[in-house]
């Protein structure tokens, strides 16, 4: 049986505990045995290396050197990691090793909660198959991203809230490798209710399955 670890914490505005329950249920439906922890200390445990998947749900906060060293080594050696929105894309702002692993870092969401479109760029990829472009209401994440990411979906900024980014095309979802490990990230999912959007939920479900070894 594949085993997954969810670690939640950090800024409460992203509803990390509520989202951890949703993701636990989602992964159990996919046949995972799921462990849930509320401290980054879990990343330093040697047992992380035996997992199939890690799901971090920790906006901002801090991670200790021994914790990121062990987590990054586990992923480099084959453990998958799947995350979303600020729970993975705005974690541990001072930790460049973590950002190198995830493949990006949030820097802005002009206009805060707004309506925007998600455009599927890899419709033949198994994670996106059958999913077409869709409207979305949330924070539209402006991110600094790794050019080695395989981008699965994008969004285009209008410039309504920051005129100098009018027309900028920004990755929304990507997959990548970190050593032998697979990394999946989706910028969607500001709060728990967004998991009720079928496309958002399905993209994360498929991405987590893809990442898990």
N, C-alpha and C. Protein backbone atom coordinates (compact mmCIF):
# COMPACT_ATOMS: atom_id res chain seq x y z
N UNK A 1 0.84 -1.20 0.00
CA UNK A 1 0.00 0.00 0.00
C UNK A 1 0.88 1.26 0.00
N UNK A 2 0.53 2.21 -0.85
CA UNK A 2 1.27 3.48 -0.85
C UNK A 2 0.93 4.27 0.41
N UNK A 3 1.95 4.93 0.97
CA UNK A 3 1.78 5.70 2.19
C UNK A 3 2.08 7.16 1.92
N UNK A 4 1.25 8.04 2.45
CA UNK A 4 1.40 9.49 2.25
C UNK A 4 1.43 10.20 3.59
N UNK A 5 2.19 11.28 3.63
CA UNK A 5 2.26 12.13 4.82
C UNK A 5 1.76 13.52 4.47
N UNK A 6 0.78 14.00 5.21
CA UNK A 6 0.31 15.38 5.11
C UNK A 6 0.83 16.14 6.33
N UNK A 7 1.47 17.27 6.10
CA UNK A 7 1.91 18.12 7.20
C UNK A 7 1.27 19.48 7.01
N UNK A 8 0.45 19.90 7.98
CA UNK A 8 -0.25 21.17 7.83
C UNK A 8 0.17 22.14 8.94
N UNK A 9 0.00 23.43 8.64
CA UNK A 9 0.35 24.46 9.61
C UNK A 9 0.48 25.80 8.94
N UNK A 10 1.21 26.71 9.58
CA UNK A 10 1.43 28.03 8.99
C UNK A 10 0.21 28.92 9.10
N UNK A 11 0.12 29.88 8.17
CA UNK A 11 -0.93 30.89 8.20
C UNK A 11 -2.32 30.27 8.13
N UNK A 12 -3.18 30.65 9.08
CA UNK A 12 -4.49 30.01 9.19
C UNK A 12 -5.48 30.45 8.11
N UNK A 13 -5.20 31.58 7.45
CA UNK A 13 -6.13 32.07 6.43
C UNK A 13 -6.33 31.13 5.25
N UNK A 14 -5.38 30.24 5.03
CA UNK A 14 -5.52 29.25 3.97
C UNK A 14 -6.21 27.97 4.44
N UNK A 15 -6.71 27.99 5.67
CA UNK A 15 -7.47 26.87 6.23
C UNK A 15 -6.72 25.54 6.10
N UNK A 16 -5.49 25.49 6.59
CA UNK A 16 -4.69 24.27 6.38
C UNK A 16 -5.25 23.02 7.03
N UNK A 17 -5.84 23.17 8.22
CA UNK A 17 -6.38 21.99 8.88
C UNK A 17 -7.58 21.45 8.12
N UNK A 18 -8.47 22.34 7.71
CA UNK A 18 -9.65 21.91 6.95
C UNK A 18 -9.24 21.25 5.64
N UNK A 19 -8.24 21.83 4.99
CA UNK A 19 -7.78 21.26 3.72
C UNK A 19 -7.08 19.92 3.93
N UNK A 20 -6.42 19.76 5.06
CA UNK A 20 -5.75 18.47 5.32
C UNK A 20 -6.77 17.35 5.43
N UNK A 21 -7.94 17.64 5.97
CA UNK A 21 -9.00 16.63 6.08
C UNK A 21 -9.49 16.24 4.68
N UNK A 22 -9.69 17.25 3.83
CA UNK A 22 -10.16 16.99 2.46
C UNK A 22 -9.14 16.14 1.71
N UNK A 23 -7.87 16.50 1.81
CA UNK A 23 -6.84 15.78 1.06
C UNK A 23 -6.63 14.38 1.63
N UNK A 24 -6.75 14.23 2.93
CA UNK A 24 -6.66 12.90 3.54
C UNK A 24 -7.73 11.99 2.97
N UNK A 25 -8.97 12.49 2.92
CA UNK A 25 -10.06 11.70 2.38
C UNK A 25 -9.82 11.37 0.90
N UNK A 26 -9.35 12.36 0.15
CA UNK A 26 -9.08 12.18 -1.27
C UNK A 26 -8.03 11.09 -1.49
N UNK A 27 -6.94 11.14 -0.72
CA UNK A 27 -5.87 10.16 -0.89
C UNK A 27 -6.31 8.77 -0.42
N UNK A 28 -7.10 8.72 0.63
CA UNK A 28 -7.59 7.41 1.09
C UNK A 28 -8.51 6.79 0.04
N UNK A 29 -9.27 7.61 -0.66
CA UNK A 29 -10.10 7.10 -1.76
C UNK A 29 -9.24 6.51 -2.87
N UNK A 30 -8.00 7.01 -2.98
CA UNK A 30 -7.07 6.51 -4.00
C UNK A 30 -6.23 5.33 -3.49
N UNK A 31 -6.51 4.88 -2.29
CA UNK A 31 -5.85 3.69 -1.77
C UNK A 31 -4.61 3.94 -0.93
N UNK A 32 -4.34 5.19 -0.58
CA UNK A 32 -3.19 5.51 0.26
C UNK A 32 -3.50 5.25 1.74
N UNK A 33 -2.49 4.86 2.48
CA UNK A 33 -2.52 4.96 3.94
C UNK A 33 -1.95 6.33 4.26
N UNK A 34 -2.69 7.14 5.00
CA UNK A 34 -2.34 8.56 5.16
C UNK A 34 -2.03 8.88 6.62
N UNK A 35 -0.90 9.55 6.82
CA UNK A 35 -0.51 10.06 8.14
C UNK A 35 -0.64 11.58 8.09
N UNK A 36 -1.10 12.18 9.18
CA UNK A 36 -1.27 13.63 9.24
C UNK A 36 -0.50 14.16 10.45
N UNK A 37 0.33 15.17 10.21
CA UNK A 37 1.10 15.78 11.28
C UNK A 37 0.92 17.30 11.25
N UNK A 38 1.15 17.94 12.40
CA UNK A 38 0.95 19.38 12.53
C UNK A 38 2.24 20.10 12.90
N UNK A 39 3.36 19.52 12.52
CA UNK A 39 4.65 20.15 12.82
C UNK A 39 5.66 19.79 11.74
N UNK A 40 6.49 20.77 11.36
CA UNK A 40 7.53 20.50 10.38
C UNK A 40 8.57 19.51 10.90
N UNK A 41 8.54 19.22 12.19
CA UNK A 41 9.44 18.22 12.73
C UNK A 41 9.27 16.87 12.03
N UNK A 42 8.07 16.63 11.49
CA UNK A 42 7.82 15.37 10.78
C UNK A 42 8.73 15.21 9.57
N UNK A 43 9.17 16.32 8.98
CA UNK A 43 10.03 16.26 7.80
C UNK A 43 11.42 15.71 8.13
N UNK A 44 11.81 15.80 9.39
CA UNK A 44 13.13 15.34 9.80
C UNK A 44 13.15 13.86 10.16
N UNK A 45 12.00 13.23 10.22
CA UNK A 45 11.91 11.83 10.61
C UNK A 45 12.49 10.95 9.49
N UNK A 46 13.36 10.01 9.82
CA UNK A 46 13.93 9.12 8.79
C UNK A 46 12.88 8.33 8.02
N UNK A 47 11.70 8.11 8.62
CA UNK A 47 10.64 7.33 7.96
C UNK A 47 10.08 8.03 6.72
N UNK A 48 10.36 9.33 6.56
CA UNK A 48 9.91 10.05 5.37
C UNK A 48 10.45 9.38 4.11
N UNK A 49 11.63 8.79 4.21
CA UNK A 49 12.27 8.16 3.05
C UNK A 49 11.52 6.91 2.58
N UNK A 50 10.64 6.38 3.42
CA UNK A 50 9.89 5.17 3.07
C UNK A 50 8.53 5.48 2.46
N UNK A 51 8.17 6.74 2.39
CA UNK A 51 6.85 7.13 1.91
C UNK A 51 6.76 7.10 0.39
N UNK A 52 5.52 7.10 -0.09
CA UNK A 52 5.26 7.29 -1.52
C UNK A 52 5.08 8.76 -1.84
N UNK A 53 4.52 9.54 -0.88
CA UNK A 53 4.12 10.91 -1.18
C UNK A 53 4.14 11.77 0.08
N UNK A 54 4.53 13.03 -0.11
CA UNK A 54 4.42 14.04 0.94
C UNK A 54 3.56 15.18 0.40
N UNK A 55 2.62 15.65 1.22
CA UNK A 55 1.78 16.80 0.86
C UNK A 55 1.97 17.88 1.92
N UNK A 56 2.73 18.93 1.64
CA UNK A 56 2.87 20.03 2.60
C UNK A 56 1.71 21.02 2.44
N UNK A 57 1.15 21.44 3.56
CA UNK A 57 0.10 22.48 3.55
C UNK A 57 0.50 23.52 4.59
N UNK A 58 1.56 24.26 4.30
CA UNK A 58 2.14 25.17 5.29
C UNK A 58 2.50 26.48 4.61
N UNK A 59 1.64 27.48 4.77
CA UNK A 59 1.94 28.80 4.21
C UNK A 59 2.87 29.56 5.14
N UNK A 60 3.90 30.15 4.53
CA UNK A 60 4.92 30.89 5.28
C UNK A 60 5.56 29.98 6.32
N UNK A 61 5.62 30.38 7.58
CA UNK A 61 6.23 29.59 8.65
C UNK A 61 7.73 29.44 8.41
N UNK A 62 8.35 28.53 9.13
CA UNK A 62 9.79 28.29 9.02
C UNK A 62 10.06 26.80 9.03
N UNK A 63 11.18 26.44 8.42
CA UNK A 63 11.60 25.05 8.42
C UNK A 63 13.06 25.00 8.85
N UNK A 64 13.38 24.07 9.73
CA UNK A 64 14.75 23.97 10.23
C UNK A 64 15.65 23.26 9.22
N UNK A 65 16.95 23.51 9.34
CA UNK A 65 17.90 22.97 8.37
C UNK A 65 17.83 21.45 8.27
N UNK A 66 17.73 20.79 9.42
CA UNK A 66 17.70 19.33 9.39
C UNK A 66 16.40 18.81 8.77
N UNK A 67 15.33 19.61 8.89
CA UNK A 67 14.03 19.21 8.32
C UNK A 67 14.05 19.30 6.80
N UNK A 68 14.50 20.42 6.24
CA UNK A 68 14.53 20.55 4.78
C UNK A 68 15.59 19.63 4.19
N UNK A 69 16.69 19.44 4.90
CA UNK A 69 17.75 18.55 4.40
C UNK A 69 17.21 17.13 4.24
N UNK A 70 16.48 16.65 5.24
CA UNK A 70 15.93 15.29 5.18
C UNK A 70 14.82 15.18 4.14
N UNK A 71 13.93 16.19 4.09
CA UNK A 71 12.83 16.16 3.12
C UNK A 71 13.36 16.19 1.70
N UNK A 72 14.28 17.11 1.41
CA UNK A 72 14.83 17.22 0.06
C UNK A 72 15.57 15.96 -0.35
N UNK A 73 16.27 15.36 0.59
CA UNK A 73 16.98 14.11 0.29
C UNK A 73 16.00 12.99 -0.03
N UNK A 74 14.90 12.94 0.71
CA UNK A 74 13.89 11.90 0.47
C UNK A 74 13.29 12.06 -0.93
N UNK A 75 12.96 13.29 -1.30
CA UNK A 75 12.40 13.53 -2.64
C UNK A 75 13.44 13.23 -3.71
N UNK A 76 14.66 13.66 -3.49
CA UNK A 76 15.73 13.40 -4.46
C UNK A 76 15.92 11.91 -4.69
N UNK A 77 15.63 11.12 -3.66
CA UNK A 77 15.79 9.66 -3.76
C UNK A 77 14.51 8.94 -4.17
N UNK A 78 13.45 9.69 -4.48
CA UNK A 78 12.29 9.04 -5.08
C UNK A 78 10.94 9.28 -4.45
N UNK A 79 10.88 9.88 -3.26
CA UNK A 79 9.58 10.18 -2.64
C UNK A 79 8.92 11.32 -3.42
N UNK A 80 7.64 11.19 -3.74
CA UNK A 80 6.94 12.23 -4.46
C UNK A 80 6.48 13.34 -3.53
N UNK A 81 6.28 14.53 -4.10
CA UNK A 81 5.73 15.64 -3.31
C UNK A 81 4.69 16.35 -4.17
N UNK A 82 3.53 16.62 -3.59
CA UNK A 82 2.44 17.29 -4.30
C UNK A 82 1.89 18.39 -3.42
N UNK A 83 1.74 19.57 -3.97
CA UNK A 83 1.24 20.68 -3.18
C UNK A 83 0.41 21.64 -4.01
N UNK A 84 -0.13 22.63 -3.33
CA UNK A 84 -1.03 23.56 -4.01
C UNK A 84 -0.99 24.92 -3.31
N UNK A 85 -1.31 25.95 -4.07
CA UNK A 85 -1.48 27.32 -3.60
C UNK A 85 -0.38 27.69 -2.59
N UNK A 86 -0.72 28.48 -1.58
CA UNK A 86 0.28 28.93 -0.62
C UNK A 86 0.77 27.83 0.30
N UNK A 87 0.02 26.73 0.39
CA UNK A 87 0.43 25.63 1.24
C UNK A 87 1.71 24.97 0.80
N UNK A 88 2.05 25.14 -0.49
CA UNK A 88 3.31 24.62 -1.01
C UNK A 88 4.09 25.67 -1.79
N UNK A 89 3.37 26.65 -2.36
CA UNK A 89 4.01 27.65 -3.20
C UNK A 89 4.37 28.94 -2.50
N UNK A 90 4.05 29.03 -1.21
CA UNK A 90 4.47 30.18 -0.40
C UNK A 90 4.87 29.69 0.99
N UNK A 91 5.63 28.62 1.00
CA UNK A 91 6.12 28.04 2.26
C UNK A 91 7.57 28.44 2.49
N UNK A 92 7.91 28.71 3.74
CA UNK A 92 9.32 28.85 4.13
C UNK A 92 10.05 29.83 3.21
N UNK A 93 9.62 31.08 3.23
CA UNK A 93 10.11 32.07 2.27
C UNK A 93 11.61 32.24 2.28
N UNK A 94 12.25 31.97 3.39
CA UNK A 94 13.70 32.17 3.46
C UNK A 94 14.48 30.93 3.02
N UNK A 95 13.77 29.84 2.67
CA UNK A 95 14.43 28.57 2.39
C UNK A 95 14.51 28.32 0.89
N UNK A 96 15.61 28.71 0.29
CA UNK A 96 15.76 28.55 -1.15
C UNK A 96 15.86 27.09 -1.57
N UNK A 97 16.34 26.23 -0.68
CA UNK A 97 16.41 24.80 -1.03
C UNK A 97 15.01 24.23 -1.23
N UNK A 98 14.06 24.67 -0.41
CA UNK A 98 12.68 24.23 -0.58
C UNK A 98 12.11 24.76 -1.90
N UNK A 99 12.36 26.02 -2.22
CA UNK A 99 11.85 26.61 -3.46
C UNK A 99 12.45 25.93 -4.68
N UNK A 100 13.73 25.56 -4.60
CA UNK A 100 14.39 24.83 -5.68
C UNK A 100 13.69 23.50 -5.93
N UNK A 101 13.25 22.85 -4.88
CA UNK A 101 12.57 21.56 -4.99
C UNK A 101 11.17 21.71 -5.58
N UNK A 102 10.40 22.67 -5.07
CA UNK A 102 9.01 22.86 -5.52
C UNK A 102 8.96 23.42 -6.94
N UNK A 103 9.90 24.29 -7.28
CA UNK A 103 9.92 24.84 -8.63
C UNK A 103 9.31 26.21 -8.76
N UNK A 104 9.02 26.87 -7.64
CA UNK A 104 8.46 28.22 -7.72
C UNK A 104 8.20 28.81 -6.36
N UNK A 105 7.86 30.10 -6.38
CA UNK A 105 7.55 30.82 -5.14
C UNK A 105 6.55 31.93 -5.45
N UNK A 106 5.50 31.99 -4.66
CA UNK A 106 4.52 33.08 -4.79
C UNK A 106 5.17 34.42 -4.47
N UNK A 107 4.79 35.45 -5.25
CA UNK A 107 5.27 36.80 -4.95
C UNK A 107 4.15 37.84 -4.89
N UNK A 108 2.98 37.58 -5.53
CA UNK A 108 1.88 38.56 -5.51
C UNK A 108 0.58 37.91 -5.98
N UNK A 109 -0.54 38.53 -5.57
CA UNK A 109 -1.84 38.17 -6.15
C UNK A 109 -2.62 39.48 -6.35
N UNK A 110 -2.29 40.22 -7.41
CA UNK A 110 -2.91 41.52 -7.65
C UNK A 110 -4.43 41.43 -7.71
N UNK A 111 -5.10 42.30 -6.95
CA UNK A 111 -6.56 42.30 -6.92
C UNK A 111 -7.15 41.36 -5.90
N UNK A 112 -6.31 40.52 -5.27
CA UNK A 112 -6.77 39.54 -4.29
C UNK A 112 -7.76 38.55 -4.90
N UNK A 113 -8.96 38.40 -4.37
CA UNK A 113 -9.91 37.43 -4.92
C UNK A 113 -10.58 38.04 -6.16
N UNK A 114 -10.32 37.44 -7.31
CA UNK A 114 -10.85 37.95 -8.58
C UNK A 114 -11.29 36.78 -9.46
N UNK A 115 -11.99 37.12 -10.54
CA UNK A 115 -12.34 36.13 -11.55
C UNK A 115 -11.25 36.08 -12.61
N UNK A 116 -10.83 34.90 -12.98
CA UNK A 116 -9.85 34.75 -14.05
C UNK A 116 -10.04 33.39 -14.72
N UNK A 117 -9.31 33.16 -15.80
CA UNK A 117 -9.41 31.91 -16.54
C UNK A 117 -8.17 31.06 -16.34
N UNK A 118 -8.38 29.76 -16.27
CA UNK A 118 -7.30 28.78 -16.26
C UNK A 118 -7.26 28.14 -17.63
N UNK A 119 -6.12 28.18 -18.28
CA UNK A 119 -5.96 27.65 -19.63
C UNK A 119 -5.09 26.41 -19.61
N UNK A 120 -5.60 25.32 -20.15
CA UNK A 120 -4.88 24.05 -20.16
C UNK A 120 -3.88 24.07 -21.32
N UNK A 121 -2.62 23.90 -21.01
CA UNK A 121 -1.58 23.96 -22.04
C UNK A 121 -1.10 22.58 -22.49
N UNK A 122 -1.38 21.56 -21.70
CA UNK A 122 -0.98 20.19 -22.05
C UNK A 122 -2.21 19.28 -21.99
N UNK A 123 -3.15 19.44 -22.93
CA UNK A 123 -4.40 18.67 -22.84
C UNK A 123 -4.22 17.17 -22.98
N UNK A 124 -3.09 16.73 -23.56
CA UNK A 124 -2.86 15.30 -23.73
C UNK A 124 -2.14 14.67 -22.54
N UNK A 125 -1.67 15.50 -21.61
CA UNK A 125 -1.02 14.96 -20.42
C UNK A 125 -2.06 14.23 -19.57
N UNK A 126 -1.73 13.07 -19.01
CA UNK A 126 -2.71 12.33 -18.20
C UNK A 126 -3.31 13.15 -17.06
N UNK A 127 -2.57 14.11 -16.52
CA UNK A 127 -3.11 14.92 -15.43
C UNK A 127 -4.21 15.84 -15.93
N UNK A 128 -4.13 16.26 -17.19
CA UNK A 128 -5.08 17.24 -17.73
C UNK A 128 -6.07 16.65 -18.73
N UNK A 129 -5.94 15.40 -19.05
CA UNK A 129 -6.77 14.80 -20.09
C UNK A 129 -8.26 14.96 -19.79
N UNK A 130 -8.99 15.48 -20.77
CA UNK A 130 -10.43 15.67 -20.62
C UNK A 130 -10.83 16.95 -19.92
N UNK A 131 -9.87 17.69 -19.40
CA UNK A 131 -10.15 18.96 -18.72
C UNK A 131 -9.89 20.10 -19.71
N UNK A 132 -10.86 20.97 -19.88
CA UNK A 132 -10.71 22.10 -20.79
C UNK A 132 -10.57 23.39 -19.99
N UNK A 133 -10.25 24.49 -20.68
CA UNK A 133 -10.13 25.79 -20.02
C UNK A 133 -11.36 26.06 -19.16
N UNK A 134 -11.17 26.69 -18.00
CA UNK A 134 -12.31 26.94 -17.13
C UNK A 134 -12.13 28.24 -16.36
N UNK A 135 -13.25 28.90 -16.01
CA UNK A 135 -13.18 30.11 -15.19
C UNK A 135 -12.96 29.75 -13.74
N UNK A 136 -12.31 30.66 -13.02
CA UNK A 136 -11.99 30.39 -11.62
C UNK A 136 -12.07 31.69 -10.83
N UNK A 137 -12.47 31.60 -9.59
CA UNK A 137 -12.54 32.77 -8.72
C UNK A 137 -11.69 32.49 -7.49
N UNK A 138 -10.61 33.24 -7.36
CA UNK A 138 -9.68 33.04 -6.26
C UNK A 138 -8.58 34.09 -6.37
N UNK A 139 -7.51 33.90 -5.64
CA UNK A 139 -6.31 34.69 -5.85
C UNK A 139 -5.62 34.19 -7.11
N UNK A 140 -5.29 35.09 -7.99
CA UNK A 140 -4.55 34.76 -9.21
C UNK A 140 -3.06 34.91 -8.89
N UNK A 141 -2.41 33.77 -8.73
CA UNK A 141 -1.02 33.80 -8.23
C UNK A 141 -0.03 34.27 -9.29
N UNK A 142 0.75 35.28 -8.92
CA UNK A 142 1.91 35.70 -9.70
C UNK A 142 3.11 35.07 -9.01
N UNK A 143 3.89 34.26 -9.76
CA UNK A 143 4.94 33.47 -9.14
C UNK A 143 6.27 33.63 -9.87
N UNK A 144 7.34 33.42 -9.16
CA UNK A 144 8.64 33.22 -9.77
C UNK A 144 8.81 31.72 -9.93
N UNK A 145 9.02 31.26 -11.16
CA UNK A 145 9.00 29.83 -11.43
C UNK A 145 10.28 29.35 -12.10
N UNK A 146 10.53 28.06 -11.94
CA UNK A 146 11.71 27.41 -12.50
C UNK A 146 11.48 27.12 -13.98
N UNK A 147 12.41 27.50 -14.86
CA UNK A 147 12.22 27.25 -16.29
C UNK A 147 12.24 25.78 -16.66
N UNK A 148 12.67 24.90 -15.73
CA UNK A 148 12.67 23.47 -16.02
C UNK A 148 11.31 22.82 -15.74
N UNK A 149 10.36 23.57 -15.18
CA UNK A 149 9.03 23.02 -14.92
C UNK A 149 8.35 22.63 -16.24
N UNK A 150 7.60 21.55 -16.22
CA UNK A 150 6.73 21.19 -17.34
C UNK A 150 5.35 21.77 -17.04
N UNK A 151 5.02 22.86 -17.70
CA UNK A 151 3.81 23.61 -17.37
C UNK A 151 2.58 22.92 -17.97
N UNK A 152 1.57 22.67 -17.13
CA UNK A 152 0.35 21.99 -17.54
C UNK A 152 -0.82 22.93 -17.76
N UNK A 153 -0.80 24.08 -17.09
CA UNK A 153 -1.89 25.06 -17.21
C UNK A 153 -1.33 26.44 -16.89
N UNK A 154 -1.94 27.46 -17.48
CA UNK A 154 -1.49 28.84 -17.28
C UNK A 154 -2.69 29.75 -17.03
N UNK A 155 -2.40 30.99 -16.67
CA UNK A 155 -3.40 32.04 -16.60
C UNK A 155 -2.75 33.31 -17.14
N UNK A 156 -3.58 34.20 -17.69
CA UNK A 156 -3.06 35.45 -18.26
C UNK A 156 -3.58 36.63 -17.46
N UNK A 157 -2.68 37.50 -17.03
CA UNK A 157 -3.05 38.68 -16.25
C UNK A 157 -3.56 39.79 -17.17
N UNK A 158 -4.58 40.50 -16.71
CA UNK A 158 -5.18 41.56 -17.52
C UNK A 158 -4.50 42.90 -17.33
N UNK A 159 -3.84 43.12 -16.23
CA UNK A 159 -3.28 44.43 -15.94
C UNK A 159 -4.25 45.33 -15.20
N UNK A 160 -5.45 44.84 -14.89
CA UNK A 160 -6.45 45.67 -14.19
C UNK A 160 -5.96 46.09 -12.81
N UNK A 161 -5.15 45.27 -12.19
CA UNK A 161 -4.72 45.53 -10.82
C UNK A 161 -3.23 45.87 -10.72
N UNK A 162 -2.49 45.66 -11.79
CA UNK A 162 -1.08 46.04 -11.89
C UNK A 162 -0.80 46.19 -13.38
N UNK A 163 -0.88 47.40 -13.87
CA UNK A 163 -0.90 47.63 -15.32
C UNK A 163 0.33 47.09 -16.03
N UNK A 164 1.47 47.02 -15.33
CA UNK A 164 2.73 46.62 -15.97
C UNK A 164 2.83 45.12 -16.23
N UNK A 165 1.85 44.34 -15.73
CA UNK A 165 1.87 42.90 -16.03
C UNK A 165 0.76 42.51 -17.00
N UNK A 166 0.17 43.48 -17.66
CA UNK A 166 -0.90 43.20 -18.63
C UNK A 166 -0.39 42.24 -19.70
N UNK A 167 -1.09 41.12 -19.85
CA UNK A 167 -0.72 40.14 -20.87
C UNK A 167 0.28 39.10 -20.43
N UNK A 168 0.77 39.17 -19.20
CA UNK A 168 1.73 38.19 -18.73
C UNK A 168 1.05 36.83 -18.57
N UNK A 169 1.66 35.81 -19.14
CA UNK A 169 1.16 34.45 -19.02
C UNK A 169 1.93 33.75 -17.89
N UNK A 170 1.19 33.25 -16.92
CA UNK A 170 1.81 32.71 -15.70
C UNK A 170 1.42 31.23 -15.51
N UNK A 171 2.37 30.37 -15.20
CA UNK A 171 2.03 28.98 -14.89
C UNK A 171 1.06 28.86 -13.71
N UNK A 172 0.09 27.99 -13.85
CA UNK A 172 -0.86 27.67 -12.78
C UNK A 172 -0.58 26.29 -12.20
N UNK A 173 -0.23 25.34 -13.07
CA UNK A 173 0.07 23.98 -12.61
C UNK A 173 1.27 23.46 -13.37
N UNK A 174 2.13 22.75 -12.65
CA UNK A 174 3.29 22.16 -13.32
C UNK A 174 3.69 20.85 -12.65
N UNK A 175 4.51 20.11 -13.38
CA UNK A 175 5.16 18.94 -12.80
C UNK A 175 6.64 19.02 -13.14
N UNK A 176 7.45 18.35 -12.36
CA UNK A 176 8.90 18.43 -12.53
C UNK A 176 9.54 17.25 -11.82
N UNK A 177 10.80 17.08 -12.06
CA UNK A 177 11.57 16.09 -11.32
C UNK A 177 12.55 16.81 -10.40
N UNK A 178 12.78 16.22 -9.24
CA UNK A 178 13.81 16.67 -8.32
C UNK A 178 14.61 15.43 -7.98
N UNK A 179 15.71 15.22 -8.69
CA UNK A 179 16.41 13.96 -8.58
C UNK A 179 15.52 12.85 -9.12
N UNK A 180 15.34 11.80 -8.33
CA UNK A 180 14.48 10.68 -8.72
C UNK A 180 13.01 10.94 -8.36
N UNK A 181 12.76 11.99 -7.59
CA UNK A 181 11.41 12.26 -7.11
C UNK A 181 10.60 13.10 -8.08
N UNK A 182 9.30 12.91 -8.05
CA UNK A 182 8.37 13.69 -8.86
C UNK A 182 7.72 14.77 -8.00
N UNK A 183 7.60 15.96 -8.58
CA UNK A 183 7.02 17.11 -7.88
C UNK A 183 5.83 17.61 -8.70
N UNK A 184 4.69 17.79 -8.05
CA UNK A 184 3.51 18.39 -8.69
C UNK A 184 3.07 19.60 -7.89
N UNK A 185 2.69 20.68 -8.60
CA UNK A 185 2.19 21.87 -7.93
C UNK A 185 1.03 22.48 -8.72
N UNK A 186 0.00 22.92 -7.99
CA UNK A 186 -1.11 23.69 -8.56
C UNK A 186 -1.30 24.94 -7.73
N UNK A 187 -1.43 26.08 -8.38
CA UNK A 187 -1.61 27.34 -7.67
C UNK A 187 -3.05 27.54 -7.19
N UNK A 188 -3.96 26.64 -7.53
CA UNK A 188 -5.37 26.77 -7.16
C UNK A 188 -5.61 26.24 -5.76
N UNK A 189 -6.54 26.88 -5.02
CA UNK A 189 -6.92 26.33 -3.72
C UNK A 189 -6.69 27.25 -2.54
N UNK A 190 -7.16 28.49 -2.62
CA UNK A 190 -6.94 29.45 -1.55
C UNK A 190 -7.56 29.01 -0.22
N UNK A 191 -8.77 28.47 -0.29
CA UNK A 191 -9.45 27.97 0.91
C UNK A 191 -10.10 26.62 0.59
N UNK A 192 -10.56 25.95 1.64
CA UNK A 192 -11.08 24.59 1.50
C UNK A 192 -12.23 24.49 0.50
N UNK A 193 -13.08 25.51 0.44
CA UNK A 193 -14.26 25.46 -0.42
C UNK A 193 -13.88 25.30 -1.90
N UNK A 194 -12.67 25.72 -2.26
CA UNK A 194 -12.26 25.62 -3.67
C UNK A 194 -12.10 24.16 -4.12
N UNK A 195 -11.98 23.24 -3.19
CA UNK A 195 -11.94 21.83 -3.56
C UNK A 195 -13.30 21.34 -4.08
N UNK A 196 -14.32 22.18 -3.97
CA UNK A 196 -15.63 21.85 -4.55
C UNK A 196 -15.67 22.13 -6.05
N UNK A 197 -14.68 22.86 -6.57
CA UNK A 197 -14.60 23.09 -8.01
C UNK A 197 -14.07 21.81 -8.65
N UNK A 198 -14.86 21.15 -9.51
CA UNK A 198 -14.47 19.82 -10.01
C UNK A 198 -13.10 19.79 -10.68
N UNK A 199 -12.81 20.80 -11.49
CA UNK A 199 -11.53 20.79 -12.20
C UNK A 199 -10.35 20.94 -11.24
N UNK A 200 -10.53 21.82 -10.26
CA UNK A 200 -9.45 22.04 -9.28
C UNK A 200 -9.15 20.75 -8.53
N UNK A 201 -10.20 20.10 -8.04
CA UNK A 201 -10.06 18.88 -7.26
C UNK A 201 -9.44 17.76 -8.10
N UNK A 202 -9.90 17.63 -9.34
CA UNK A 202 -9.41 16.55 -10.19
C UNK A 202 -7.95 16.76 -10.58
N UNK A 203 -7.58 18.00 -10.86
CA UNK A 203 -6.18 18.29 -11.20
C UNK A 203 -5.27 17.93 -10.02
N UNK A 204 -5.68 18.29 -8.81
CA UNK A 204 -4.84 17.93 -7.66
C UNK A 204 -4.81 16.43 -7.45
N UNK A 205 -5.95 15.77 -7.56
CA UNK A 205 -6.01 14.32 -7.35
C UNK A 205 -5.07 13.60 -8.33
N UNK A 206 -5.17 13.97 -9.60
CA UNK A 206 -4.31 13.32 -10.59
C UNK A 206 -2.84 13.67 -10.38
N UNK A 207 -2.58 14.94 -10.03
CA UNK A 207 -1.21 15.35 -9.81
C UNK A 207 -0.56 14.62 -8.65
N UNK A 208 -1.32 14.42 -7.58
CA UNK A 208 -0.79 13.69 -6.41
C UNK A 208 -0.50 12.24 -6.77
N UNK A 209 -1.40 11.63 -7.52
CA UNK A 209 -1.18 10.25 -7.96
C UNK A 209 0.03 10.14 -8.86
N UNK A 210 0.21 11.12 -9.75
CA UNK A 210 1.37 11.11 -10.64
C UNK A 210 2.66 11.23 -9.84
N UNK A 211 2.66 12.11 -8.85
CA UNK A 211 3.88 12.36 -8.08
C UNK A 211 4.27 11.18 -7.21
N UNK A 212 3.28 10.46 -6.68
CA UNK A 212 3.55 9.38 -5.73
C UNK A 212 4.29 8.22 -6.40
N UNK A 213 5.30 7.74 -5.72
CA UNK A 213 6.02 6.58 -6.28
C UNK A 213 5.31 5.29 -5.87
